[in-house]
Amino acid sequence: MGSRPLTQRERAVLATFLAVDFPGVEVLRHQATEVYVVSTCGCGCPSVEFHAGRGLGMTARVTASVRHSDDGLFLYTIEDPQYGEVLGGIEWVGVGQSDPREFPSPDLLDVEP
């Protein structure tokens, strides 16, 4: 898969995550203006990666639970050898029988750093 722009829903969820204050969020907010999806999860869930294969480690920066469900998702960063901490992606954590094709609407998310 080549890189592609974020969908409207992906961009809305990313903005919701980055509306929370935590150390380093200003840099990540700037990166978010130029980020692209480079990979999606092969299982069919809505997880997306912004920097596939280039970084080391994964740090969950912001988590969200989906209201009225046991599902959740989180925004993570990776350490890029050249640029330092960069947006890594948004990971879906589903416990239901099937995963949605896209992330839930931001108004259904309870977000915390």
PDB file of N, CA and C in Angstrom:
ATOM      1  N   MET A   1       0.848  -1.189   0.000  1.00  0.00           N
ATOM      2  CA  MET A   1       0.000   0.000   0.000  1.00  0.00           C
ATOM      3  C   MET A   1       0.887   1.243   0.000  1.00  0.00           C
ATOM      4  N   GLY A   2       0.612   2.172  -0.865  1.00  0.00           N
ATOM      5  CA  GLY A   2       1.311   3.450  -0.841  1.00  0.00           C
ATOM      6  C   GLY A   2       0.720   4.340   0.231  1.00  0.00           C
ATOM      7  N   SER A   3       1.367   5.455   0.497  1.00  0.00           N
ATOM      8  CA  SER A   3       0.819   6.351   1.510  1.00  0.00           C
ATOM      9  C   SER A   3      -0.418   7.053   0.964  1.00  0.00           C
ATOM     10  N   ARG A   4      -1.289   7.445   1.883  1.00  0.00           N
ATOM     11  CA  ARG A   4      -2.517   8.145   1.513  1.00  0.00           C
ATOM     12  C   ARG A   4      -2.847   9.170   2.592  1.00  0.00           C
ATOM     13  N   PRO A   5      -3.622  10.185   2.231  1.00  0.00           N
ATOM     14  CA  PRO A   5      -4.059  11.139   3.262  1.00  0.00           C
ATOM     15  C   PRO A   5      -4.974  10.440   4.272  1.00  0.00           C
ATOM     16  N   LEU A   6      -5.068  10.994   5.448  1.00  0.00           N
ATOM     17  CA  LEU A   6      -5.989  10.467   6.443  1.00  0.00           C
ATOM     18  C   LEU A   6      -7.425  10.701   5.984  1.00  0.00           C
ATOM     19  N   THR A   7      -8.309   9.778   6.336  1.00  0.00           N
ATOM     20  CA  THR A   7      -9.726  10.000   6.068  1.00  0.00           C
ATOM     21  C   THR A   7     -10.223  11.101   7.014  1.00  0.00           C
ATOM     22  N   GLN A   8     -11.398  11.596   6.756  1.00  0.00           N
ATOM     23  CA  GLN A   8     -11.972  12.623   7.616  1.00  0.00           C
ATOM     24  C   GLN A   8     -12.095  12.106   9.055  1.00  0.00           C
ATOM     25  N   ARG A   9     -12.521  10.866   9.237  1.00  0.00           N
ATOM     26  CA  ARG A   9     -12.680  10.295  10.575  1.00  0.00           C
ATOM     27  C   ARG A   9     -11.327  10.098  11.248  1.00  0.00           C
ATOM     28  N   GLU A  10     -10.335   9.587  10.513  1.00  0.00           N
ATOM     29  CA  GLU A  10      -8.992   9.414  11.087  1.00  0.00           C
ATOM     30  C   GLU A  10      -8.427  10.751  11.555  1.00  0.00           C
ATOM     31  N   ARG A  11      -8.609  11.791  10.742  1.00  0.00           N
ATOM     32  CA  ARG A  11      -8.099  13.109  11.104  1.00  0.00           C
ATOM     33  C   ARG A  11      -8.824  13.640  12.339  1.00  0.00           C
ATOM     34  N   ALA A  12     -10.140  13.401  12.432  1.00  0.00           N
ATOM     35  CA  ALA A  12     -10.918  13.864  13.588  1.00  0.00           C
ATOM     36  C   ALA A  12     -10.479  13.152  14.866  1.00  0.00           C
ATOM     37  N   VAL A  13     -10.235  11.847  14.786  1.00  0.00           N
ATOM     38  CA  VAL A  13      -9.780  11.095  15.951  1.00  0.00           C
ATOM     39  C   VAL A  13      -8.378  11.553  16.362  1.00  0.00           C
ATOM     40  N   LEU A  14      -7.489  11.751  15.403  1.00  0.00           N
ATOM     41  CA  LEU A  14      -6.146  12.248  15.704  1.00  0.00           C
ATOM     42  C   LEU A  14      -6.225  13.614  16.386  1.00  0.00           C
ATOM     43  N   ALA A  15      -7.058  14.501  15.883  1.00  0.00           N
ATOM     44  CA  ALA A  15      -7.215  15.830  16.482  1.00  0.00           C
ATOM     45  C   ALA A  15      -7.745  15.726  17.910  1.00  0.00           C
ATOM     46  N   THR A  16      -8.653  14.792  18.149  1.00  0.00           N
ATOM     47  CA  THR A  16      -9.199  14.581  19.487  1.00  0.00           C
ATOM     48  C   THR A  16      -8.105  14.129  20.445  1.00  0.00           C
ATOM     49  N   PHE A  17      -7.263  13.199  19.997  1.00  0.00           N
ATOM     50  CA  PHE A  17      -6.138  12.749  20.825  1.00  0.00           C
ATOM     51  C   PHE A  17      -5.187  13.912  21.125  1.00  0.00           C
ATOM     52  N   LEU A  18      -4.893  14.720  20.118  1.00  0.00           N
ATOM     53  CA  LEU A  18      -3.906  15.783  20.281  1.00  0.00           C
ATOM     54  C   LEU A  18      -4.472  17.028  20.959  1.00  0.00           C
ATOM     55  N   ALA A  19      -5.774  17.027  21.263  1.00  0.00           N
ATOM     56  CA  ALA A  19      -6.375  18.134  22.010  1.00  0.00           C
ATOM     57  C   ALA A  19      -6.046  18.019  23.502  1.00  0.00           C
ATOM     58  N   VAL A  20      -5.570  16.838  23.916  1.00  0.00           N
ATOM     59  CA  VAL A  20      -5.175  16.593  25.300  1.00  0.00           C
ATOM     60  C   VAL A  20      -3.760  17.128  25.501  1.00  0.00           C
ATOM     61  N   ASP A  21      -3.507  17.734  26.644  1.00  0.00           N
ATOM     62  CA  ASP A  21      -2.164  18.237  26.929  1.00  0.00           C
ATOM     63  C   ASP A  21      -1.312  17.165  27.598  1.00  0.00           C
ATOM     64  N   PHE A  22      -0.118  16.967  27.075  1.00  0.00           N
ATOM     65  CA  PHE A  22       0.878  16.082  27.664  1.00  0.00           C
ATOM     66  C   PHE A  22       2.239  16.530  27.157  1.00  0.00           C
ATOM     67  N   PRO A  23       3.329  16.139  27.811  1.00  0.00           N
ATOM     68  CA  PRO A  23       4.663  16.590  27.393  1.00  0.00           C
ATOM     69  C   PRO A  23       4.949  16.230  25.931  1.00  0.00           C
ATOM     70  N   GLY A  24       5.340  17.208  25.141  1.00  0.00           N
ATOM     71  CA  GLY A  24       5.685  16.978  23.743  1.00  0.00           C
ATOM     72  C   GLY A  24       4.528  17.087  22.776  1.00  0.00           C
ATOM     73  N   VAL A  25       3.342  17.413  23.261  1.00  0.00           N
ATOM     74  CA  VAL A  25       2.173  17.421  22.376  1.00  0.00           C
ATOM     75  C   VAL A  25       2.271  18.500  21.293  1.00  0.00           C
ATOM     76  N   GLU A  26       2.927  19.623  21.588  1.00  0.00           N
ATOM     77  CA  GLU A  26       3.025  20.696  20.590  1.00  0.00           C
ATOM     78  C   GLU A  26       3.747  20.214  19.332  1.00  0.00           C
ATOM     79  N   VAL A  27       4.824  19.459  19.509  1.00  0.00           N
ATOM     80  CA  VAL A  27       5.572  18.922  18.370  1.00  0.00           C
ATOM     81  C   VAL A  27       4.694  17.958  17.581  1.00  0.00           C
ATOM     82  N   LEU A  28       3.959  17.115  18.297  1.00  0.00           N
ATOM     83  CA  LEU A  28       3.089  16.147  17.626  1.00  0.00           C
ATOM     84  C   LEU A  28       1.944  16.842  16.898  1.00  0.00           C
ATOM     85  N   ARG A  29       1.426  17.920  17.458  1.00  0.00           N
ATOM     86  CA  ARG A  29       0.365  18.687  16.773  1.00  0.00           C
ATOM     87  C   ARG A  29       0.890  19.236  15.452  1.00  0.00           C
ATOM     88  N   HIS A  30       2.125  19.706  15.459  1.00  0.00           N
ATOM     89  CA  HIS A  30       2.722  20.215  14.220  1.00  0.00           C
ATOM     90  C   HIS A  30       2.884  19.078  13.206  1.00  0.00           C
ATOM     91  N   GLN A  31       3.370  17.923  13.670  1.00  0.00           N
ATOM     92  CA  GLN A  31       3.536  16.777  12.771  1.00  0.00           C
ATOM     93  C   GLN A  31       2.201  16.346  12.167  1.00  0.00           C
ATOM     94  N   ALA A  32       1.132  16.466  12.939  1.00  0.00           N
ATOM     95  CA  ALA A  32      -0.190  15.997  12.494  1.00  0.00           C
ATOM     96  C   ALA A  32      -0.667  16.733  11.247  1.00  0.00           C
ATOM     97  N   THR A  33      -0.177  17.942  11.025  1.00  0.00           N
ATOM     98  CA  THR A  33      -0.615  18.696   9.850  1.00  0.00           C
ATOM     99  C   THR A  33      -0.074  18.101   8.552  1.00  0.00           C
ATOM    100  N   GLU A  34       0.991  17.272   8.662  1.00  0.00           N
ATOM    101  CA  GLU A  34       1.633  16.733   7.467  1.00  0.00           C
ATOM    102  C   GLU A  34       1.654  15.205   7.418  1.00  0.00           C
ATOM    103  N   VAL A  35       0.966  14.554   8.363  1.00  0.00           N
ATOM    104  CA  VAL A  35       1.063  13.102   8.475  1.00  0.00           C
ATOM    105  C   VAL A  35       0.223  12.389   7.406  1.00  0.00           C
ATOM    106  N   TYR A  36       0.720  11.234   6.966  1.00  0.00           N
ATOM    107  CA  TYR A  36       0.020  10.376   6.013  1.00  0.00           C
ATOM    108  C   TYR A  36      -0.082   8.972   6.585  1.00  0.00           C
ATOM    109  N   VAL A  37      -1.080   8.223   6.142  1.00  0.00           N
ATOM    110  CA  VAL A  37      -1.196   6.812   6.497  1.00  0.00           C
ATOM    111  C   VAL A  37      -0.301   6.031   5.537  1.00  0.00           C
ATOM    112  N   VAL A  38       0.647   5.268   6.101  1.00  0.00           N
ATOM    113  CA  VAL A  38       1.546   4.472   5.257  1.00  0.00           C
ATOM    114  C   VAL A  38       1.190   2.988   5.304  1.00  0.00           C
ATOM    115  N   SER A  39       0.399   2.596   6.308  1.00  0.00           N
ATOM    116  CA  SER A  39       0.041   1.188   6.439  1.00  0.00           C
ATOM    117  C   SER A  39      -1.237   1.060   7.259  1.00  0.00           C
ATOM    118  N   THR A  40      -2.024   0.035   6.964  1.00  0.00           N
ATOM    119  CA  THR A  40      -3.197  -0.286   7.757  1.00  0.00           C
ATOM    120  C   THR A  40      -3.063  -1.720   8.247  1.00  0.00           C
ATOM    121  N   CYS A  41      -3.844  -2.082   9.222  1.00  0.00           N
ATOM    122  CA  CYS A  41      -3.767  -3.424   9.794  1.00  0.00           C
ATOM    123  C   CYS A  41      -4.357  -4.439   8.816  1.00  0.00           C
ATOM    124  N   GLY A  42      -3.692  -5.569   8.681  1.00  0.00           N
ATOM    125  CA  GLY A  42      -4.148  -6.604   7.764  1.00  0.00           C
ATOM    126  C   GLY A  42      -5.398  -7.338   8.219  1.00  0.00           C
ATOM    127  N   CYS A  43      -5.778  -7.192   9.492  1.00  0.00           N
ATOM    128  CA  CYS A  43      -6.928  -7.943  10.005  1.00  0.00           C
ATOM    129  C   CYS A  43      -8.261  -7.294   9.643  1.00  0.00           C
ATOM    130  N   GLY A  44      -8.211  -6.068   9.114  1.00  0.00           N
ATOM    131  CA  GLY A  44      -9.451  -5.388   8.751  1.00  0.00           C
ATOM    132  C   GLY A  44      -9.922  -4.371   9.772  1.00  0.00           C
ATOM    133  N   CYS A  45      -9.238  -4.280  10.918  1.00  0.00           N
ATOM    134  CA  CYS A  45      -9.604  -3.262  11.908  1.00  0.00           C
ATOM    135  C   CYS A  45      -9.116  -1.897  11.401  1.00  0.00           C
ATOM    136  N   PRO A  46      -9.542  -0.810  12.044  1.00  0.00           N
ATOM    137  CA  PRO A  46      -9.185   0.515  11.520  1.00  0.00           C
ATOM    138  C   PRO A  46      -7.803   1.048  11.910  1.00  0.00           C
ATOM    139  N   SER A  47      -6.943   0.233  12.540  1.00  0.00           N
ATOM    140  CA  SER A  47      -5.613   0.713  12.943  1.00  0.00           C
ATOM    141  C   SER A  47      -4.831   1.260  11.749  1.00  0.00           C
ATOM    142  N   VAL A  48      -4.092   2.350  11.994  1.00  0.00           N
ATOM    143  CA  VAL A  48      -3.274   2.967  10.944  1.00  0.00           C
ATOM    144  C   VAL A  48      -1.881   3.276  11.476  1.00  0.00           C
ATOM    145  N   GLU A  49      -0.897   3.206  10.581  1.00  0.00           N
ATOM    146  CA  GLU A  49       0.474   3.581  10.907  1.00  0.00           C
ATOM    147  C   GLU A  49       0.863   4.793  10.077  1.00  0.00           C
ATOM    148  N   PHE A  50       1.641   5.686  10.701  1.00  0.00           N
ATOM    149  CA  PHE A  50       2.116   6.885  10.015  1.00  0.00           C
ATOM    150  C   PHE A  50       3.582   6.774   9.603  1.00  0.00           C
ATOM    151  N   HIS A  51       4.353   5.876  10.246  1.00  0.00           N
ATOM    152  CA  HIS A  51       5.778   5.720   9.962  1.00  0.00           C
ATOM    153  C   HIS A  51       6.147   4.249  10.053  1.00  0.00           C
ATOM    154  N   ALA A  52       5.736   3.465   9.139  1.00  0.00           N
ATOM    155  CA  ALA A  52       5.970   2.021   9.210  1.00  0.00           C
ATOM    156  C   ALA A  52       7.436   1.675   9.050  1.00  0.00           C
ATOM    157  N   GLY A  53       7.945   0.852   9.960  1.00  0.00           N
ATOM    158  CA  GLY A  53       9.260   0.259   9.816  1.00  0.00           C
ATOM    159  C   GLY A  53      10.461   1.157  10.005  1.00  0.00           C
ATOM    160  N   ARG A  54      10.256   2.446  10.300  1.00  0.00           N
ATOM    161  CA  ARG A  54      11.416   3.330  10.387  1.00  0.00           C
ATOM    162  C   ARG A  54      11.868   3.586  11.811  1.00  0.00           C
ATOM    163  N   GLY A  55      11.040   3.256  12.780  1.00  0.00           N
ATOM    164  CA  GLY A  55      11.372   3.672  14.130  1.00  0.00           C
ATOM    165  C   GLY A  55      11.606   2.531  15.087  1.00  0.00           C
ATOM    166  N   LEU A  56      11.960   2.906  16.281  1.00  0.00           N
ATOM    167  CA  LEU A  56      12.221   1.951  17.344  1.00  0.00           C
ATOM    168  C   LEU A  56      11.211   2.171  18.461  1.00  0.00           C
ATOM    169  N   GLY A  57      10.758   1.081  19.054  1.00  0.00           N
ATOM    170  CA  GLY A  57       9.862   1.196  20.192  1.00  0.00           C
ATOM    171  C   GLY A  57       8.514   1.781  19.845  1.00  0.00           C
ATOM    172  N   MET A  58       7.620   1.689  20.764  1.00  0.00           N
ATOM    173  CA  MET A  58       6.278   2.243  20.604  1.00  0.00           C
ATOM    174  C   MET A  58       5.867   2.741  21.983  1.00  0.00           C
ATOM    175  N   THR A  59       5.442   4.006  22.069  1.00  0.00           N
ATOM    176  CA  THR A  59       4.997   4.574  23.330  1.00  0.00           C
ATOM    177  C   THR A  59       3.563   5.039  23.179  1.00  0.00           C
ATOM    178  N   ALA A  60       2.652   4.454  23.950  1.00  0.00           N
ATOM    179  CA  ALA A  60       1.262   4.915  23.943  1.00  0.00           C
ATOM    180  C   ALA A  60       1.227   6.282  24.616  1.00  0.00           C
ATOM    181  N   ARG A  61       0.751   7.290  23.908  1.00  0.00           N
ATOM    182  CA  ARG A  61       0.746   8.658  24.436  1.00  0.00           C
ATOM    183  C   ARG A  61      -0.620   9.064  24.961  1.00  0.00           C
ATOM    184  N   VAL A  62      -1.684   8.621  24.277  1.00  0.00           N
ATOM    185  CA  VAL A  62      -3.045   8.965  24.676  1.00  0.00           C
ATOM    186  C   VAL A  62      -3.916   7.743  24.422  1.00  0.00           C
ATOM    187  N   THR A  63      -4.778   7.426  25.371  1.00  0.00           N
ATOM    188  CA  THR A  63      -5.699   6.309  25.195  1.00  0.00           C
ATOM    189  C   THR A  63      -7.135   6.816  25.219  1.00  0.00           C
ATOM    190  N   ALA A  64      -8.015   6.023  24.631  1.00  0.00           N
ATOM    191  CA  ALA A  64      -9.436   6.377  24.635  1.00  0.00           C
ATOM    192  C   ALA A  64     -10.259   5.106  24.750  1.00  0.00           C
ATOM    193  N   SER A  65     -11.292   5.186  25.556  1.00  0.00           N
ATOM    194  CA  SER A  65     -12.262   4.094  25.584  1.00  0.00           C
ATOM    195  C   SER A  65     -13.472   4.549  24.791  1.00  0.00           C
ATOM    196  N   VAL A  66     -14.140   3.582  24.195  1.00  0.00           N
ATOM    197  CA  VAL A  66     -15.332   3.878  23.402  1.00  0.00           C
ATOM    198  C   VAL A  66     -16.536   3.694  24.315  1.00  0.00           C
ATOM    199  N   ARG A  67     -17.303   4.766  24.476  1.00  0.00           N
ATOM    200  CA  ARG A  67     -18.471   4.702  25.357  1.00  0.00           C
ATOM    201  C   ARG A  67     -19.407   3.569  24.963  1.00  0.00           C
ATOM    202  N   HIS A  68     -19.993   2.935  25.957  1.00  0.00           N
ATOM    203  CA  HIS A  68     -20.973   1.856  25.782  1.00  0.00           C
ATOM    204  C   HIS A  68     -20.374   0.621  25.119  1.00  0.00           C
ATOM    205  N   SER A  69     -19.054   0.413  25.290  1.00  0.00           N
ATOM    206  CA  SER A  69     -18.419  -0.793  24.757  1.00  0.00           C
ATOM    207  C   SER A  69     -17.169  -1.075  25.582  1.00  0.00           C
ATOM    208  N   ASP A  70     -16.551  -2.206  25.328  1.00  0.00           N
ATOM    209  CA  ASP A  70     -15.274  -2.530  25.965  1.00  0.00           C
ATOM    210  C   ASP A  70     -14.107  -2.237  25.030  1.00  0.00           C
ATOM    211  N   ASP A  71     -14.375  -1.645  23.867  1.00  0.00           N
ATOM    212  CA  ASP A  71     -13.347  -1.348  22.879  1.00  0.00           C
ATOM    213  C   ASP A  71     -12.606  -0.064  23.236  1.00  0.00           C
ATOM    214  N   GLY A  72     -11.458   0.110  22.620  1.00  0.00           N
ATOM    215  CA  GLY A  72     -10.682   1.313  22.841  1.00  0.00           C
ATOM    216  C   GLY A  72      -9.677   1.514  21.719  1.00  0.00           C
ATOM    217  N   LEU A  73      -8.885   2.557  21.837  1.00  0.00           N
ATOM    218  CA  LEU A  73      -7.845   2.835  20.874  1.00  0.00           C
ATOM    219  C   LEU A  73      -6.808   3.726  21.536  1.00  0.00           C
ATOM    220  N   PHE A  74      -5.627   3.796  20.931  1.00  0.00           N
ATOM    221  CA  PHE A  74      -4.610   4.668  21.484  1.00  0.00           C
ATOM    222  C   PHE A  74      -3.739   5.249  20.379  1.00  0.00           C
ATOM    223  N   LEU A  75      -3.225   6.433  20.674  1.00  0.00           N
ATOM    224  CA  LEU A  75      -2.273   7.116  19.806  1.00  0.00           C
ATOM    225  C   LEU A  75      -0.886   6.786  20.329  1.00  0.00           C
ATOM    226  N   TYR A  76       0.002   6.354  19.432  1.00  0.00           N
ATOM    227  CA  TYR A  76       1.352   6.037  19.877  1.00  0.00           C
ATOM    228  C   TYR A  76       2.390   6.784  19.053  1.00  0.00           C
ATOM    229  N   THR A  77       3.566   6.921  19.674  1.00  0.00           N
ATOM    230  CA  THR A  77       4.706   7.522  18.999  1.00  0.00           C
ATOM    231  C   THR A  77       5.795   6.461  18.897  1.00  0.00           C
ATOM    232  N   ILE A  78       6.738   6.706  17.999  1.00  0.00           N
ATOM    233  CA  ILE A  78       7.921   5.862  17.875  1.00  0.00           C
ATOM    234  C   ILE A  78       9.139   6.773  17.902  1.00  0.00           C
ATOM    235  N   GLU A  79      10.291   6.203  18.160  1.00  0.00           N
ATOM    236  CA  GLU A  79      11.543   6.954  18.126  1.00  0.00           C
ATOM    237  C   GLU A  79      12.176   6.782  16.749  1.00  0.00           C
ATOM    238  N   ASP A  80      12.240   7.857  15.998  1.00  0.00           N
ATOM    239  CA  ASP A  80      12.878   7.844  14.691  1.00  0.00           C
ATOM    240  C   ASP A  80      14.352   8.213  14.892  1.00  0.00           C
ATOM    241  N   PRO A  81      15.282   7.415  14.343  1.00  0.00           N
ATOM    242  CA  PRO A  81      16.709   7.706  14.548  1.00  0.00           C
ATOM    243  C   PRO A  81      17.111   9.111  14.090  1.00  0.00           C
ATOM    244  N   GLN A  82      16.423   9.641  13.094  1.00  0.00           N
ATOM    245  CA  GLN A  82      16.785  10.954  12.553  1.00  0.00           C
ATOM    246  C   GLN A  82      16.010  12.097  13.212  1.00  0.00           C
ATOM    247  N   TYR A  83      14.703  11.882  13.500  1.00  0.00           N
ATOM    248  CA  TYR A  83      13.845  12.986  13.938  1.00  0.00           C
ATOM    249  C   TYR A  83      13.416  12.924  15.397  1.00  0.00           C
ATOM    250  N   GLY A  84      13.786  11.876  16.133  1.00  0.00           N
ATOM    251  CA  GLY A  84      13.347  11.762  17.516  1.00  0.00           C
ATOM    252  C   GLY A  84      11.935  11.203  17.585  1.00  0.00           C
ATOM    253  N   GLU A  85      11.172  11.650  18.561  1.00  0.00           N
ATOM    254  CA  GLU A  85       9.817  11.135  18.744  1.00  0.00           C
ATOM    255  C   GLU A  85       8.891  11.642  17.636  1.00  0.00           C
ATOM    256  N   VAL A  86       8.229  10.714  16.955  1.00  0.00           N
ATOM    257  CA  VAL A  86       7.307  11.069  15.881  1.00  0.00           C
ATOM    258  C   VAL A  86       6.001  10.305  16.058  1.00  0.00           C
ATOM    259  N   LEU A  87       4.946  10.834  15.457  1.00  0.00           N
ATOM    260  CA  LEU A  87       3.661  10.141  15.469  1.00  0.00           C
ATOM    261  C   LEU A  87       3.818   8.775  14.806  1.00  0.00           C
ATOM    262  N   GLY A  88       3.443   7.722  15.501  1.00  0.00           N
ATOM    263  CA  GLY A  88       3.576   6.370  14.966  1.00  0.00           C
ATOM    264  C   GLY A  88       2.300   5.868  14.332  1.00  0.00           C
ATOM    265  N   GLY A  89       1.170   6.137  14.988  1.00  0.00           N
ATOM    266  CA  GLY A  89      -0.097   5.672  14.457  1.00  0.00           C
ATOM    267  C   GLY A  89      -1.179   5.652  15.509  1.00  0.00           C
ATOM    268  N   ILE A  90      -2.328   5.127  15.099  1.00  0.00           N
ATOM    269  CA  ILE A  90      -3.470   4.951  15.992  1.00  0.00           C
ATOM    270  C   ILE A  90      -3.835   3.477  15.949  1.00  0.00           C
ATOM    271  N   GLU A  91      -3.849   2.865  17.110  1.00  0.00           N
ATOM    272  CA  GLU A  91      -4.086   1.428  17.221  1.00  0.00           C
ATOM    273  C   GLU A  91      -5.473   1.159  17.803  1.00  0.00           C
ATOM    274  N   TRP A  92      -6.232   0.313  17.137  1.00  0.00           N
ATOM    275  CA  TRP A  92      -7.552  -0.112  17.606  1.00  0.00           C
ATOM    276  C   TRP A  92      -7.387  -1.299  18.550  1.00  0.00           C
ATOM    277  N   VAL A  93      -8.093  -1.285  19.666  1.00  0.00           N
ATOM    278  CA  VAL A  93      -8.077  -2.395  20.616  1.00  0.00           C
ATOM    279  C   VAL A  93      -9.524  -2.859  20.776  1.00  0.00           C
ATOM    280  N   GLY A  94      -9.904  -3.832  19.963  1.00  0.00           N
ATOM    281  CA  GLY A  94     -11.280  -4.305  19.975  1.00  0.00           C
ATOM    282  C   GLY A  94     -11.426  -5.605  20.730  1.00  0.00           C
ATOM    283  N   VAL A  95     -12.500  -5.709  21.485  1.00  0.00           N
ATOM    284  CA  VAL A  95     -12.774  -6.955  22.186  1.00  0.00           C
ATOM    285  C   VAL A  95     -14.099  -7.565  21.729  1.00  0.00           C
ATOM    286  N   GLY A  96     -14.779  -6.878  20.825  1.00  0.00           N
ATOM    287  CA  GLY A  96     -16.052  -7.382  20.317  1.00  0.00           C
ATOM    288  C   GLY A  96     -15.842  -8.505  19.308  1.00  0.00           C
ATOM    289  N   GLN A  97     -16.942  -9.042  18.818  1.00  0.00           N
ATOM    290  CA  GLN A  97     -16.893 -10.134  17.847  1.00  0.00           C
ATOM    291  C   GLN A  97     -16.273  -9.692  16.521  1.00  0.00           C
ATOM    292  N   SER A  98     -16.537  -8.453  16.137  1.00  0.00           N
ATOM    293  CA  SER A  98     -15.994  -7.953  14.872  1.00  0.00           C
ATOM    294  C   SER A  98     -15.511  -6.522  15.059  1.00  0.00           C
ATOM    295  N   ASP A  99     -14.549  -6.142  14.251  1.00  0.00           N
ATOM    296  CA  ASP A  99     -13.996  -4.793  14.324  1.00  0.00           C
ATOM    297  C   ASP A  99     -14.712  -3.886  13.339  1.00  0.00           C
ATOM    298  N   PRO A 100     -14.860  -2.606  13.685  1.00  0.00           N
ATOM    299  CA  PRO A 100     -15.463  -1.662  12.746  1.00  0.00           C
ATOM    300  C   PRO A 100     -14.513  -1.387  11.578  1.00  0.00           C
ATOM    301  N   ARG A 101     -15.040  -0.911  10.483  1.00  0.00           N
ATOM    302  CA  ARG A 101     -14.213  -0.567   9.330  1.00  0.00           C
ATOM    303  C   ARG A 101     -13.494   0.762   9.534  1.00  0.00           C
ATOM    304  N   GLU A 102     -14.051   1.630  10.400  1.00  0.00           N
ATOM    305  CA  GLU A 102     -13.401   2.904  10.686  1.00  0.00           C
ATOM    306  C   GLU A 102     -13.506   3.192  12.184  1.00  0.00           C
ATOM    307  N   PHE A 103     -12.697   4.146  12.640  1.00  0.00           N
ATOM    308  CA  PHE A 103     -12.724   4.520  14.051  1.00  0.00           C
ATOM    309  C   PHE A 103     -14.084   5.081  14.430  1.00  0.00           C
ATOM    310  N   PRO A 104     -14.469   4.969  15.702  1.00  0.00           N
ATOM    311  CA  PRO A 104     -15.725   5.572  16.144  1.00  0.00           C
ATOM    312  C   PRO A 104     -15.648   7.096  16.069  1.00  0.00           C
ATOM    313  N   SER A 105     -16.792   7.713  16.063  1.00  0.00           N
ATOM    314  CA  SER A 105     -16.864   9.171  16.076  1.00  0.00           C
ATOM    315  C   SER A 105     -16.196   9.708  17.341  1.00  0.00           C
ATOM    316  N   PRO A 106     -15.438  10.806  17.245  1.00  0.00           N
ATOM    317  CA  PRO A 106     -14.752  11.355  18.417  1.00  0.00           C
ATOM    318  C   PRO A 106     -15.680  11.655  19.592  1.00  0.00           C
ATOM    319  N   ASP A 107     -16.940  11.944  19.330  1.00  0.00           N
ATOM    320  CA  ASP A 107     -17.846  12.252  20.450  1.00  0.00           C
ATOM    321  C   ASP A 107     -18.203  11.005  21.270  1.00  0.00           C
ATOM    322  N   LEU A 108     -17.790   9.818  20.816  1.00  0.00           N
ATOM    323  CA  LEU A 108     -18.009   8.584  21.581  1.00  0.00           C
ATOM    324  C   LEU A 108     -16.771   8.177  22.381  1.00  0.00           C
ATOM    325  N   LEU A 109     -15.710   8.997  22.314  1.00  0.00           N
ATOM    326  CA  LEU A 109     -14.448   8.625  22.948  1.00  0.00           C
ATOM    327  C   LEU A 109     -14.245   9.355  24.280  1.00  0.00           C
ATOM    328  N   ASP A 110     -13.813   8.592  25.286  1.00  0.00           N
ATOM    329  CA  ASP A 110     -13.362   9.169  26.545  1.00  0.00           C
ATOM    330  C   ASP A 110     -11.842   9.100  26.526  1.00  0.00           C
ATOM    331  N   VAL A 111     -11.206  10.256  26.377  1.00  0.00           N
ATOM    332  CA  VAL A 111      -9.764  10.332  26.100  1.00  0.00           C
ATOM    333  C   VAL A 111      -9.000  10.728  27.356  1.00  0.00           C
ATOM    334  N   GLU A 112      -7.842  10.083  27.558  1.00  0.00           N
ATOM    335  CA  GLU A 112      -6.942  10.477  28.649  1.00  0.00           C
ATOM    336  C   GLU A 112      -5.490  10.199  28.286  1.00  0.00           C
ATOM    337  N   PRO A 113      -4.596  11.112  28.701  1.00  0.00           N
ATOM    338  CA  PRO A 113      -3.176  10.917  28.414  1.00  0.00           C
ATOM    339  C   PRO A 113      -2.589   9.800  29.269  1.00  0.00           C
TER     340      PRO A 113
END
